[in-house]
């Protein structure tokens, strides 16, 4: 996703760029695809909005979480995308 690549290139921590790219490819892309195929939205949220939410949260906590970056990104994906599954399972809009 070009927005993610652009965001990663603008980060001050150059040594984390390859790791962030790999983690986004590993977690975010498949999760977006799964959500697109399996979830029905009451109010559709563009994929770019979902991804930029993850980017902005990461940007604010990145200096503190560098050693745990893999787990933090996984947690953010779960938080951003899983709430849709939870709402869908329990019929909450």
PDB file of N, CA and C in Angstrom:
ATOM      1  N   UNK A   1       0.850  -1.164   0.000  1.00  0.00           N
ATOM      2  CA  UNK A   1       0.000   0.000   0.000  1.00  0.00           C
ATOM      3  C   UNK A   1       0.907   1.242   0.000  1.00  0.00           C
ATOM      4  N   UNK A   2       0.670   2.132  -0.929  1.00  0.00           N
ATOM      5  CA  UNK A   2       1.532   3.306  -1.092  1.00  0.00           C
ATOM      6  C   UNK A   2       1.502   4.234   0.117  1.00  0.00           C
ATOM      7  N   UNK A   3       0.372   4.367   0.759  1.00  0.00           N
ATOM      8  CA  UNK A   3       0.281   5.253   1.921  1.00  0.00           C
ATOM      9  C   UNK A   3       1.176   4.756   3.052  1.00  0.00           C
ATOM     10  N   UNK A   4       1.210   3.453   3.247  1.00  0.00           N
ATOM     11  CA  UNK A   4       2.057   2.876   4.292  1.00  0.00           C
ATOM     12  C   UNK A   4       3.522   3.072   3.940  1.00  0.00           C
ATOM     13  N   UNK A   5       3.881   2.807   2.694  1.00  0.00           N
ATOM     14  CA  UNK A   5       5.270   2.994   2.269  1.00  0.00           C
ATOM     15  C   UNK A   5       5.716   4.438   2.449  1.00  0.00           C
ATOM     16  N   UNK A   6       4.864   5.360   2.110  1.00  0.00           N
ATOM     17  CA  UNK A   6       5.177   6.777   2.273  1.00  0.00           C
ATOM     18  C   UNK A   6       5.320   7.133   3.748  1.00  0.00           C
ATOM     19  N   UNK A   7       4.437   6.621   4.575  1.00  0.00           N
ATOM     20  CA  UNK A   7       4.494   6.889   6.006  1.00  0.00           C
ATOM     21  C   UNK A   7       5.789   6.334   6.611  1.00  0.00           C
ATOM     22  N   UNK A   8       6.137   5.120   6.215  1.00  0.00           N
ATOM     23  CA  UNK A   8       7.353   4.492   6.738  1.00  0.00           C
ATOM     24  C   UNK A   8       8.596   5.286   6.328  1.00  0.00           C
ATOM     25  N   UNK A   9       8.619   5.774   5.098  1.00  0.00           N
ATOM     26  CA  UNK A   9       9.780   6.544   4.624  1.00  0.00           C
ATOM     27  C   UNK A   9       9.952   7.865   5.371  1.00  0.00           C
ATOM     28  N   UNK A  10       8.871   8.416   5.890  1.00  0.00           N
ATOM     29  CA  UNK A  10       8.934   9.693   6.602  1.00  0.00           C
ATOM     30  C   UNK A  10       9.329   9.540   8.070  1.00  0.00           C
ATOM     31  N   UNK A  11       9.365   8.325   8.570  1.00  0.00           N
ATOM     32  CA  UNK A  11       9.708   8.106   9.974  1.00  0.00           C
ATOM     33  C   UNK A  11      11.166   8.460  10.250  1.00  0.00           C
ATOM     34  N   UNK A  12      11.418   8.912  11.471  1.00  0.00           N
ATOM     35  CA  UNK A  12      12.771   9.284  11.873  1.00  0.00           C
ATOM     36  C   UNK A  12      13.655   8.076  12.161  1.00  0.00           C
ATOM     37  N   UNK A  13      13.075   6.956  12.445  1.00  0.00           N
ATOM     38  CA  UNK A  13      13.838   5.763  12.809  1.00  0.00           C
ATOM     39  C   UNK A  13      14.119   4.910  11.569  1.00  0.00           C
ATOM     40  N   UNK A  14      15.205   5.229  10.902  1.00  0.00           N
ATOM     41  CA  UNK A  14      15.540   4.560   9.637  1.00  0.00           C
ATOM     42  C   UNK A  14      15.823   3.072   9.826  1.00  0.00           C
ATOM     43  N   UNK A  15      16.355   2.685  10.969  1.00  0.00           N
ATOM     44  CA  UNK A  15      16.692   1.277  11.186  1.00  0.00           C
ATOM     45  C   UNK A  15      15.453   0.387  11.340  1.00  0.00           C
ATOM     46  N   UNK A  16      14.301   0.974  11.611  1.00  0.00           N
ATOM     47  CA  UNK A  16      13.070   0.189  11.756  1.00  0.00           C
ATOM     48  C   UNK A  16      12.259   0.084  10.467  1.00  0.00           C
ATOM     49  N   UNK A  17      12.639   0.820   9.451  1.00  0.00           N
ATOM     50  CA  UNK A  17      11.847   0.826   8.211  1.00  0.00           C
ATOM     51  C   UNK A  17      11.667  -0.551   7.585  1.00  0.00           C
ATOM     52  N   UNK A  18      12.742  -1.343   7.425  1.00  0.00           N
ATOM     53  CA  UNK A  18      12.532  -2.681   6.832  1.00  0.00           C
ATOM     54  C   UNK A  18      11.632  -3.582   7.692  1.00  0.00           C
ATOM     55  N   UNK A  19      11.796  -3.477   8.999  1.00  0.00           N
ATOM     56  CA  UNK A  19      10.965  -4.284   9.895  1.00  0.00           C
ATOM     57  C   UNK A  19       9.505  -3.872   9.807  1.00  0.00           C
ATOM     58  N   UNK A  20       9.247  -2.574   9.807  1.00  0.00           N
ATOM     59  CA  UNK A  20       7.872  -2.099   9.699  1.00  0.00           C
ATOM     60  C   UNK A  20       7.234  -2.537   8.384  1.00  0.00           C
ATOM     61  N   UNK A  21       7.973  -2.434   7.301  1.00  0.00           N
ATOM     62  CA  UNK A  21       7.440  -2.877   6.000  1.00  0.00           C
ATOM     63  C   UNK A  21       7.079  -4.356   6.035  1.00  0.00           C
ATOM     64  N   UNK A  22       7.963  -5.147   6.609  1.00  0.00           N
ATOM     65  CA  UNK A  22       7.714  -6.587   6.693  1.00  0.00           C
ATOM     66  C   UNK A  22       6.509  -6.893   7.577  1.00  0.00           C
ATOM     67  N   UNK A  23       6.410  -6.189   8.697  1.00  0.00           N
ATOM     68  CA  UNK A  23       5.289  -6.436   9.606  1.00  0.00           C
ATOM     69  C   UNK A  23       3.956  -6.017   9.010  1.00  0.00           C
ATOM     70  N   UNK A  24       3.937  -4.898   8.307  1.00  0.00           N
ATOM     71  CA  UNK A  24       2.696  -4.475   7.652  1.00  0.00           C
ATOM     72  C   UNK A  24       2.291  -5.498   6.595  1.00  0.00           C
ATOM     73  N   UNK A  25       3.254  -6.000   5.839  1.00  0.00           N
ATOM     74  CA  UNK A  25       2.939  -7.017   4.828  1.00  0.00           C
ATOM     75  C   UNK A  25       2.447  -8.302   5.475  1.00  0.00           C
ATOM     76  N   UNK A  26       3.020  -8.625   6.610  1.00  0.00           N
ATOM     77  CA  UNK A  26       2.686  -9.876   7.287  1.00  0.00           C
ATOM     78  C   UNK A  26       1.319  -9.826   7.961  1.00  0.00           C
ATOM     79  N   UNK A  27       0.970  -8.707   8.584  1.00  0.00           N
ATOM     80  CA  UNK A  27      -0.253  -8.641   9.381  1.00  0.00           C
ATOM     81  C   UNK A  27      -1.365  -7.822   8.739  1.00  0.00           C
ATOM     82  N   UNK A  28      -1.061  -6.639   8.264  1.00  0.00           N
ATOM     83  CA  UNK A  28      -2.113  -5.718   7.846  1.00  0.00           C
ATOM     84  C   UNK A  28      -2.736  -6.132   6.516  1.00  0.00           C
ATOM     85  N   UNK A  29      -1.921  -6.427   5.533  1.00  0.00           N
ATOM     86  CA  UNK A  29      -2.464  -6.787   4.219  1.00  0.00           C
ATOM     87  C   UNK A  29      -3.392  -8.007   4.270  1.00  0.00           C
ATOM     88  N   UNK A  30      -2.969  -9.111   4.893  1.00  0.00           N
ATOM     89  CA  UNK A  30      -3.898 -10.255   4.966  1.00  0.00           C
ATOM     90  C   UNK A  30      -5.158  -9.968   5.775  1.00  0.00           C
ATOM     91  N   UNK A  31      -5.021  -9.169   6.824  1.00  0.00           N
ATOM     92  CA  UNK A  31      -6.184  -8.848   7.645  1.00  0.00           C
ATOM     93  C   UNK A  31      -7.178  -7.994   6.873  1.00  0.00           C
ATOM     94  N   UNK A  32      -6.670  -7.024   6.119  1.00  0.00           N
ATOM     95  CA  UNK A  32      -7.552  -6.214   5.275  1.00  0.00           C
ATOM     96  C   UNK A  32      -8.302  -7.083   4.275  1.00  0.00           C
ATOM     97  N   UNK A  33      -7.600  -8.001   3.663  1.00  0.00           N
ATOM     98  CA  UNK A  33      -8.217  -8.884   2.679  1.00  0.00           C
ATOM     99  C   UNK A  33      -9.281  -9.768   3.328  1.00  0.00           C
ATOM    100  N   UNK A  34      -8.988 -10.297   4.493  1.00  0.00           N
ATOM    101  CA  UNK A  34      -9.954 -11.130   5.205  1.00  0.00           C
ATOM    102  C   UNK A  34     -11.215 -10.332   5.547  1.00  0.00           C
ATOM    103  N   UNK A  35     -11.021  -9.131   6.061  1.00  0.00           N
ATOM    104  CA  UNK A  35     -12.168  -8.293   6.417  1.00  0.00           C
ATOM    105  C   UNK A  35     -13.001  -7.942   5.189  1.00  0.00           C
ATOM    106  N   UNK A  36     -12.322  -7.649   4.086  1.00  0.00           N
ATOM    107  CA  UNK A  36     -13.036  -7.289   2.862  1.00  0.00           C
ATOM    108  C   UNK A  36     -13.923  -8.446   2.388  1.00  0.00           C
ATOM    109  N   UNK A  37     -13.431  -9.661   2.536  1.00  0.00           N
ATOM    110  CA  UNK A  37     -14.175 -10.824   2.054  1.00  0.00           C
ATOM    111  C   UNK A  37     -15.259 -11.301   3.013  1.00  0.00           C
ATOM    112  N   UNK A  38     -15.059 -11.138   4.308  1.00  0.00           N
ATOM    113  CA  UNK A  38     -15.910 -11.817   5.278  1.00  0.00           C
ATOM    114  C   UNK A  38     -16.805 -10.928   6.131  1.00  0.00           C
ATOM    115  N   UNK A  39     -16.570  -9.633   6.146  1.00  0.00           N
ATOM    116  CA  UNK A  39     -17.371  -8.772   7.007  1.00  0.00           C
ATOM    117  C   UNK A  39     -18.343  -7.941   6.188  1.00  0.00           C
ATOM    118  N   UNK A  40     -19.496  -7.701   6.785  1.00  0.00           N
ATOM    119  CA  UNK A  40     -20.459  -6.778   6.202  1.00  0.00           C
ATOM    120  C   UNK A  40     -20.472  -5.548   7.098  1.00  0.00           C
ATOM    121  N   UNK A  41     -20.407  -4.400   6.497  1.00  0.00           N
ATOM    122  CA  UNK A  41     -20.306  -3.159   7.249  1.00  0.00           C
ATOM    123  C   UNK A  41     -21.633  -2.422   7.271  1.00  0.00           C
ATOM    124  N   UNK A  42     -21.985  -1.914   8.421  1.00  0.00           N
ATOM    125  CA  UNK A  42     -23.152  -1.044   8.523  1.00  0.00           C
ATOM    126  C   UNK A  42     -22.785   0.299   7.905  1.00  0.00           C
ATOM    127  N   UNK A  43     -21.636   0.806   8.308  1.00  0.00           N
ATOM    128  CA  UNK A  43     -21.077   2.018   7.732  1.00  0.00           C
ATOM    129  C   UNK A  43     -19.697   1.653   7.202  1.00  0.00           C
ATOM    130  N   UNK A  44     -19.534   1.589   5.885  1.00  0.00           N
ATOM    131  CA  UNK A  44     -18.245   1.189   5.332  1.00  0.00           C
ATOM    132  C   UNK A  44     -17.128   2.168   5.725  1.00  0.00           C
ATOM    133  N   UNK A  45     -16.009   1.597   6.110  1.00  0.00           N
ATOM    134  CA  UNK A  45     -14.823   2.382   6.443  1.00  0.00           C
ATOM    135  C   UNK A  45     -13.774   2.043   5.396  1.00  0.00           C
ATOM    136  N   UNK A  46     -13.272   3.034   4.682  1.00  0.00           N
ATOM    137  CA  UNK A  46     -12.261   2.751   3.663  1.00  0.00           C
ATOM    138  C   UNK A  46     -11.017   2.099   4.273  1.00  0.00           C
ATOM    139  N   UNK A  47     -10.415   1.202   3.535  1.00  0.00           N
ATOM    140  CA  UNK A  47      -9.219   0.507   4.008  1.00  0.00           C
ATOM    141  C   UNK A  47      -8.116   1.489   4.383  1.00  0.00           C
ATOM    142  N   UNK A  48      -7.987   2.569   3.628  1.00  0.00           N
ATOM    143  CA  UNK A  48      -6.940   3.541   3.915  1.00  0.00           C
ATOM    144  C   UNK A  48      -7.153   4.177   5.287  1.00  0.00           C
ATOM    145  N   UNK A  49      -8.384   4.389   5.687  1.00  0.00           N
ATOM    146  CA  UNK A  49      -8.669   4.946   7.009  1.00  0.00           C
ATOM    147  C   UNK A  49      -8.275   3.968   8.115  1.00  0.00           C
ATOM    148  N   UNK A  50      -8.562   2.705   7.898  1.00  0.00           N
ATOM    149  CA  UNK A  50      -8.191   1.685   8.871  1.00  0.00           C
ATOM    150  C   UNK A  50      -6.670   1.602   9.013  1.00  0.00           C
ATOM    151  N   UNK A  51      -5.983   1.581   7.891  1.00  0.00           N
ATOM    152  CA  UNK A  51      -4.527   1.467   7.907  1.00  0.00           C
ATOM    153  C   UNK A  51      -3.889   2.716   8.504  1.00  0.00           C
ATOM    154  N   UNK A  52      -4.394   3.878   8.169  1.00  0.00           N
ATOM    155  CA  UNK A  52      -3.814   5.108   8.714  1.00  0.00           C
ATOM    156  C   UNK A  52      -4.070   5.222  10.218  1.00  0.00           C
ATOM    157  N   UNK A  53      -5.138   4.628  10.711  1.00  0.00           N
ATOM    158  CA  UNK A  53      -5.343   4.579  12.166  1.00  0.00           C
ATOM    159  C   UNK A  53      -4.204   3.818  12.828  1.00  0.00           C
ATOM    160  N   UNK A  54      -3.841   2.683  12.246  1.00  0.00           N
ATOM    161  CA  UNK A  54      -2.722   1.907  12.772  1.00  0.00           C
ATOM    162  C   UNK A  54      -1.436   2.722  12.702  1.00  0.00           C
ATOM    163  N   UNK A  55      -1.208   3.390  11.581  1.00  0.00           N
ATOM    164  CA  UNK A  55       0.015   4.186  11.411  1.00  0.00           C
ATOM    165  C   UNK A  55       0.106   5.298  12.446  1.00  0.00           C
ATOM    166  N   UNK A  56      -0.966   6.010  12.658  1.00  0.00           N
ATOM    167  CA  UNK A  56      -0.953   7.135  13.607  1.00  0.00           C
ATOM    168  C   UNK A  56      -0.746   6.656  15.040  1.00  0.00           C
ATOM    169  N   UNK A  57      -1.383   5.554  15.406  1.00  0.00           N
ATOM    170  CA  UNK A  57      -1.175   5.017  16.750  1.00  0.00           C
ATOM    171  C   UNK A  57       0.271   4.569  16.912  1.00  0.00           C
ATOM    172  N   UNK A  58       0.786   3.864  15.915  1.00  0.00           N
ATOM    173  CA  UNK A  58       2.184   3.427  15.961  1.00  0.00           C
ATOM    174  C   UNK A  58       3.138   4.612  16.057  1.00  0.00           C
ATOM    175  N   UNK A  59       2.864   5.646  15.290  1.00  0.00           N
ATOM    176  CA  UNK A  59       3.723   6.826  15.292  1.00  0.00           C
ATOM    177  C   UNK A  59       3.806   7.445  16.687  1.00  0.00           C
ATOM    178  N   UNK A  60       2.712   7.435  17.395  1.00  0.00           N
ATOM    179  CA  UNK A  60       2.708   8.071  18.716  1.00  0.00           C
ATOM    180  C   UNK A  60       3.407   7.226  19.776  1.00  0.00           C
ATOM    181  N   UNK A  61       3.443   5.909  19.605  1.00  0.00           N
ATOM    182  CA  UNK A  61       4.055   5.065  20.626  1.00  0.00           C
ATOM    183  C   UNK A  61       5.352   4.404  20.177  1.00  0.00           C
ATOM    184  N   UNK A  62       5.789   4.654  18.971  1.00  0.00           N
ATOM    185  CA  UNK A  62       6.954   3.973  18.404  1.00  0.00           C
ATOM    186  C   UNK A  62       8.212   4.065  19.257  1.00  0.00           C
ATOM    187  N   UNK A  63       8.587   5.218  19.778  1.00  0.00           N
ATOM    188  CA  UNK A  63       9.823   5.263  20.573  1.00  0.00           C
ATOM    189  C   UNK A  63       9.788   4.359  21.810  1.00  0.00           C
ATOM    190  N   UNK A  64       8.628   4.147  22.380  1.00  0.00           N
ATOM    191  CA  UNK A  64       8.534   3.341  23.589  1.00  0.00           C
ATOM    192  C   UNK A  64       8.450   1.840  23.307  1.00  0.00           C
ATOM    193  N   UNK A  65       8.030   1.455  22.115  1.00  0.00           N
ATOM    194  CA  UNK A  65       7.738   0.039  21.858  1.00  0.00           C
ATOM    195  C   UNK A  65       8.692  -0.640  20.883  1.00  0.00           C
ATOM    196  N   UNK A  66       9.784  -0.027  20.562  1.00  0.00           N
ATOM    197  CA  UNK A  66      10.695  -0.611  19.573  1.00  0.00           C
ATOM    198  C   UNK A  66      11.035  -2.078  19.834  1.00  0.00           C
ATOM    199  N   UNK A  67      11.345  -2.466  21.074  1.00  0.00           N
ATOM    200  CA  UNK A  67      11.665  -3.880  21.300  1.00  0.00           C
ATOM    201  C   UNK A  67      10.481  -4.823  21.088  1.00  0.00           C
ATOM    202  N   UNK A  68       9.277  -4.314  21.223  1.00  0.00           N
ATOM    203  CA  UNK A  68       8.079  -5.149  21.117  1.00  0.00           C
ATOM    204  C   UNK A  68       7.251  -4.825  19.884  1.00  0.00           C
ATOM    205  N   UNK A  69       7.877  -4.317  18.861  1.00  0.00           N
ATOM    206  CA  UNK A  69       7.160  -3.820  17.690  1.00  0.00           C
ATOM    207  C   UNK A  69       6.269  -4.880  17.052  1.00  0.00           C
ATOM    208  N   UNK A  70       6.753  -6.090  16.944  1.00  0.00           N
ATOM    209  CA  UNK A  70       5.981  -7.170  16.341  1.00  0.00           C
ATOM    210  C   UNK A  70       4.672  -7.388  17.100  1.00  0.00           C
ATOM    211  N   UNK A  71       4.755  -7.483  18.418  1.00  0.00           N
ATOM    212  CA  UNK A  71       3.548  -7.706  19.229  1.00  0.00           C
ATOM    213  C   UNK A  71       2.610  -6.512  19.211  1.00  0.00           C
ATOM    214  N   UNK A  72       3.167  -5.327  19.209  1.00  0.00           N
ATOM    215  CA  UNK A  72       2.327  -4.128  19.207  1.00  0.00           C
ATOM    216  C   UNK A  72       1.541  -4.020  17.908  1.00  0.00           C
ATOM    217  N   UNK A  73       2.184  -4.287  16.780  1.00  0.00           N
ATOM    218  CA  UNK A  73       1.470  -4.220  15.503  1.00  0.00           C
ATOM    219  C   UNK A  73       0.384  -5.289  15.439  1.00  0.00           C
ATOM    220  N   UNK A  74       0.659  -6.460  15.937  1.00  0.00           N
ATOM    221  CA  UNK A  74      -0.350  -7.510  15.979  1.00  0.00           C
ATOM    222  C   UNK A  74      -1.532  -7.089  16.857  1.00  0.00           C
ATOM    223  N   UNK A  75      -1.242  -6.470  17.996  1.00  0.00           N
ATOM    224  CA  UNK A  75      -2.303  -5.977  18.873  1.00  0.00           C
ATOM    225  C   UNK A  75      -3.128  -4.890  18.185  1.00  0.00           C
ATOM    226  N   UNK A  76      -2.471  -3.978  17.479  1.00  0.00           N
ATOM    227  CA  UNK A  76      -3.204  -2.921  16.779  1.00  0.00           C
ATOM    228  C   UNK A  76      -4.102  -3.489  15.687  1.00  0.00           C
ATOM    229  N   UNK A  77      -3.591  -4.465  14.943  1.00  0.00           N
ATOM    230  CA  UNK A  77      -4.430  -5.099  13.915  1.00  0.00           C
ATOM    231  C   UNK A  77      -5.645  -5.754  14.557  1.00  0.00           C
ATOM    232  N   UNK A  78      -5.418  -6.425  15.648  1.00  0.00           N
ATOM    233  CA  UNK A  78      -6.524  -7.068  16.342  1.00  0.00           C
ATOM    234  C   UNK A  78      -7.527  -6.037  16.820  1.00  0.00           C
ATOM    235  N   UNK A  79      -7.037  -4.945  17.364  1.00  0.00           N
ATOM    236  CA  UNK A  79      -7.924  -3.908  17.872  1.00  0.00           C
ATOM    237  C   UNK A  79      -8.720  -3.247  16.747  1.00  0.00           C
ATOM    238  N   UNK A  80      -8.055  -2.907  15.664  1.00  0.00           N
ATOM    239  CA  UNK A  80      -8.722  -2.199  14.571  1.00  0.00           C
ATOM    240  C   UNK A  80      -9.707  -3.107  13.843  1.00  0.00           C
ATOM    241  N   UNK A  81      -9.331  -4.361  13.614  1.00  0.00           N
ATOM    242  CA  UNK A  81     -10.170  -5.227  12.790  1.00  0.00           C
ATOM    243  C   UNK A  81     -11.073  -6.152  13.595  1.00  0.00           C
ATOM    244  N   UNK A  82     -10.643  -6.614  14.735  1.00  0.00           N
ATOM    245  CA  UNK A  82     -11.416  -7.590  15.495  1.00  0.00           C
ATOM    246  C   UNK A  82     -12.714  -6.999  16.025  1.00  0.00           C
ATOM    247  N   UNK A  83     -12.734  -5.731  16.312  1.00  0.00           N
ATOM    248  CA  UNK A  83     -13.969  -5.147  16.829  1.00  0.00           C
ATOM    249  C   UNK A  83     -15.098  -5.286  15.821  1.00  0.00           C
ATOM    250  N   UNK A  84     -14.779  -5.320  14.537  1.00  0.00           N
ATOM    251  CA  UNK A  84     -15.806  -5.541  13.520  1.00  0.00           C
ATOM    252  C   UNK A  84     -16.375  -6.952  13.650  1.00  0.00           C
ATOM    253  N   UNK A  85     -15.500  -7.928  13.862  1.00  0.00           N
ATOM    254  CA  UNK A  85     -15.960  -9.306  14.003  1.00  0.00           C
ATOM    255  C   UNK A  85     -16.795  -9.456  15.265  1.00  0.00           C
ATOM    256  N   UNK A  86     -16.379  -8.803  16.336  1.00  0.00           N
ATOM    257  CA  UNK A  86     -17.116  -8.863  17.591  1.00  0.00           C
ATOM    258  C   UNK A  86     -18.502  -8.251  17.425  1.00  0.00           C
ATOM    259  N   UNK A  87     -18.549  -7.106  16.783  1.00  0.00           N
ATOM    260  CA  UNK A  87     -19.838  -6.445  16.556  1.00  0.00           C
ATOM    261  C   UNK A  87     -20.727  -7.305  15.656  1.00  0.00           C
ATOM    262  N   UNK A  88     -20.121  -7.909  14.659  1.00  0.00           N
ATOM    263  CA  UNK A  88     -20.912  -8.727  13.741  1.00  0.00           C
ATOM    264  C   UNK A  88     -21.427  -9.981  14.459  1.00  0.00           C
ATOM    265  N   UNK A  89     -20.588 -10.569  15.297  1.00  0.00           N
ATOM    266  CA  UNK A  89     -20.997 -11.792  15.995  1.00  0.00           C
ATOM    267  C   UNK A  89     -22.153 -11.524  16.948  1.00  0.00           C
ATOM    268  N   UNK A  90     -22.118 -10.414  17.632  1.00  0.00           N
ATOM    269  CA  UNK A  90     -23.131 -10.115  18.630  1.00  0.00           C
ATOM    270  C   UNK A  90     -24.219  -9.181  18.103  1.00  0.00           C
ATOM    271  N   UNK A  91     -24.251  -8.955  16.804  1.00  0.00           N
ATOM    272  CA  UNK A  91     -25.267  -8.120  16.160  1.00  0.00           C
ATOM    273  C   UNK A  91     -25.347  -6.715  16.764  1.00  0.00           C
ATOM    274  N   UNK A  92     -24.206  -6.137  17.004  1.00  0.00           N
ATOM    275  CA  UNK A  92     -24.146  -4.775  17.535  1.00  0.00           C
ATOM    276  C   UNK A  92     -23.779  -3.855  16.379  1.00  0.00           C
ATOM    277  N   UNK A  93     -24.501  -2.780  16.252  1.00  0.00           N
ATOM    278  CA  UNK A  93     -24.182  -1.849  15.173  1.00  0.00           C
ATOM    279  C   UNK A  93     -23.575  -0.580  15.722  1.00  0.00           C
TER     280      UNK A  93
END
